[in-house]
């Protein structure tokens, strides 16, 4: 058995602990309810 029965952490809260180098930032681009059934994602070369 893996995981637990807790609710998922909201994306806005989950990005908080990340420590980024100067000049970098995190943007939420695929967050509920914007994504209801993700079927395809595409990342360019830098990502």
Protein backbone atom coordinates (compact mmCIF):
# COMPACT_ATOMS: atom_id res chain seq x y z
CA UNK A 1 0.00 0.00 0.00
CA UNK A 2 1.32 3.44 -0.84
CA UNK A 3 0.28 6.94 0.18
CA UNK A 4 -2.37 7.81 2.66
CA UNK A 5 -5.97 8.98 2.77
CA UNK A 6 -5.19 12.69 3.11
CA UNK A 7 -6.38 15.21 0.54
CA UNK A 8 -3.87 16.35 -2.08
CA UNK A 9 -1.90 19.48 -1.22
CA UNK A 10 -3.19 22.48 -3.19
CA UNK A 11 -0.70 23.50 -5.88
CA UNK A 12 -0.46 27.04 -4.50
CA UNK A 13 0.72 25.60 -1.18
CA UNK A 14 2.93 22.88 -2.69
CA UNK A 15 5.17 25.36 -4.54
CA UNK A 16 5.89 27.32 -1.37
CA UNK A 17 8.84 25.26 -0.05
CA UNK A 18 10.80 25.39 -3.33
CA UNK A 19 14.04 27.37 -3.15
CA UNK A 20 15.01 28.88 -6.48
CA UNK A 21 18.17 30.57 -7.67
CA UNK A 22 18.00 34.29 -8.42
CA UNK A 23 16.25 34.98 -11.69
CA UNK A 24 14.14 31.81 -11.66
CA UNK A 25 10.44 31.54 -10.84
CA UNK A 26 7.72 28.92 -10.63
CA UNK A 27 4.46 29.48 -12.49
CA UNK A 28 1.40 27.31 -12.04
CA UNK A 29 0.22 26.45 -15.54
CA UNK A 30 -1.72 23.21 -15.16
CA UNK A 31 -3.74 23.58 -11.99
CA UNK A 32 -7.26 22.45 -11.19
CA UNK A 33 -9.83 23.50 -12.28
CA UNK A 34 -7.98 24.63 -15.42
CA UNK A 35 -7.08 21.00 -16.15
CA UNK A 36 -9.98 18.60 -15.82
CA UNK A 37 -8.68 15.66 -17.84
CA UNK A 38 -5.06 16.04 -18.93
CA UNK A 39 -4.42 14.00 -22.05
CA UNK A 40 -1.43 15.72 -23.63
CA UNK A 41 1.32 18.05 -22.45
CA UNK A 42 4.17 19.52 -24.45
CA UNK A 43 7.36 21.05 -23.06
CA UNK A 44 9.81 23.01 -25.16
CA UNK A 45 13.59 22.42 -25.09
CA UNK A 46 14.30 24.68 -22.06
CA UNK A 47 11.70 22.87 -19.96
